[in-house]
Protein backbone atom coordinates (compact mmCIF):
# COMPACT_ATOMS: atom_id res chain seq x y z
CA SER A 1 -52.81 -75.99 -27.87
CA ALA A 2 -53.79 -79.25 -29.54
CA ALA A 3 -52.63 -81.18 -26.45
CA SER A 4 -55.45 -79.90 -24.24
CA PRO A 5 -58.32 -81.64 -26.07
CA ILE A 6 -56.25 -84.80 -26.52
CA TRP A 7 -55.61 -84.97 -22.77
CA ALA A 8 -59.21 -84.14 -21.94
CA ALA A 9 -60.45 -86.99 -24.14
CA GLY A 10 -57.77 -89.37 -22.85
CA GLN A 11 -58.52 -88.56 -19.21
CA SER A 12 -62.25 -89.15 -19.89
CA LEU A 13 -61.45 -92.62 -21.26
CA VAL A 14 -59.17 -93.37 -18.30
CA ASN A 15 -61.88 -92.28 -15.85
CA GLU A 16 -64.50 -94.37 -17.68
CA GLY A 17 -62.23 -97.42 -17.27
CA LEU A 18 -61.53 -96.64 -13.61
CA ILE A 19 -65.26 -96.34 -12.85
CA LYS A 20 -66.02 -99.62 -14.63
CA GLN A 21 -63.08 -101.56 -13.17
CA LEU A 22 -62.65 -100.06 -9.69
CA GLY A 23 -65.79 -98.07 -9.08
CA LYS A 24 -63.59 -95.03 -8.50
CA TYR A 25 -63.03 -91.78 -10.32
CA GLY A 26 -59.47 -90.46 -10.35
CA TYR A 27 -58.27 -87.04 -11.29
CA SER A 28 -55.58 -84.83 -9.88
CA PRO A 29 -52.96 -82.76 -11.68
CA ARG A 30 -50.32 -84.56 -9.58
CA ILE A 31 -51.30 -87.91 -11.14
CA PHE A 32 -49.59 -86.81 -14.37
CA TYR A 33 -46.28 -86.37 -12.56
CA LEU A 34 -46.68 -89.44 -10.34
CA ALA A 35 -47.20 -91.52 -13.48
CA ALA A 36 -44.11 -90.02 -15.08
CA ASN A 37 -41.95 -90.82 -12.06
CA LYS A 38 -42.93 -94.48 -11.71
CA ASN A 39 -39.95 -96.84 -12.07
CA ASN A 40 -41.51 -99.90 -13.64
CA SER A 41 -42.08 -101.43 -17.05
CA MET A 42 -44.95 -99.06 -17.84
CA HIS A 43 -44.32 -96.09 -20.09
CA PRO A 44 -47.23 -93.67 -19.66
CA TYR A 45 -45.52 -91.05 -21.85
CA TYR A 46 -43.42 -91.24 -24.98
CA ASP A 47 -40.59 -88.81 -24.28
CA VAL A 48 -39.99 -86.47 -27.22
CA THR A 49 -36.24 -85.85 -27.33
CA ARG A 50 -35.70 -84.33 -30.77
CA GLY A 51 -37.09 -81.23 -32.42
CA ASN A 52 -38.10 -77.85 -31.08
CA ASN A 53 -40.97 -75.35 -30.97
CA LEU A 54 -38.89 -72.58 -32.66
CA TYR A 55 -37.83 -71.28 -29.25
CA TYR A 56 -36.78 -74.26 -27.10
CA PRO A 57 -35.28 -77.66 -27.93
CA ALA A 58 -36.85 -80.96 -26.95
CA THR A 59 -34.71 -82.76 -24.36
CA PRO A 60 -34.98 -85.94 -22.29
CA GLY A 61 -37.51 -85.57 -19.48
CA TRP A 62 -39.78 -82.56 -19.11
CA ASP A 63 -39.20 -79.73 -21.60
CA TYR A 64 -41.10 -76.72 -22.92
CA PRO A 65 -41.92 -78.01 -26.39
CA SER A 66 -43.48 -81.36 -25.37
CA GLY A 67 -43.91 -81.26 -21.59
CA LEU A 68 -43.79 -84.82 -20.31
CA GLY A 69 -44.16 -86.20 -23.86
CA THR A 70 -47.02 -87.67 -25.81
CA PRO A 71 -49.52 -89.83 -23.91
CA ASN A 72 -49.49 -93.60 -24.02
CA LEU A 73 -52.95 -93.96 -22.58
CA ALA A 74 -52.89 -97.76 -22.20
CA ASP A 75 -49.87 -97.62 -19.88
CA TYR A 76 -51.07 -94.37 -18.24
CA TYR A 77 -54.32 -96.15 -17.35
CA GLN A 78 -52.44 -99.09 -15.77
CA VAL A 79 -50.23 -96.75 -13.71
CA VAL A 80 -53.26 -94.76 -12.47
CA CYS A 81 -55.07 -98.02 -11.57
CA GLN A 82 -52.07 -99.09 -9.44
CA ASP A 83 -52.00 -95.71 -7.68
CA ILE A 84 -55.74 -95.68 -6.95
CA MET A 85 -55.94 -99.26 -5.69
């Protein structure tokens, strides 16, 4: 899907920032879900709640058409920095 290269590029930029700022590299599939479950002012994902993929409707939270939503890499980076520190 088109989301895979977008996330690969985004994660590369996040890791570049982590290495420059913290001297650490951070990657784990669970980071995506930890970032989504943070209760703070950061919004690492824009939740897609309308539309469908011809089979399933988009709904609040995780869903088949959009997963966690579209990435907001600036906030995602901040959430990951908080978790790694």
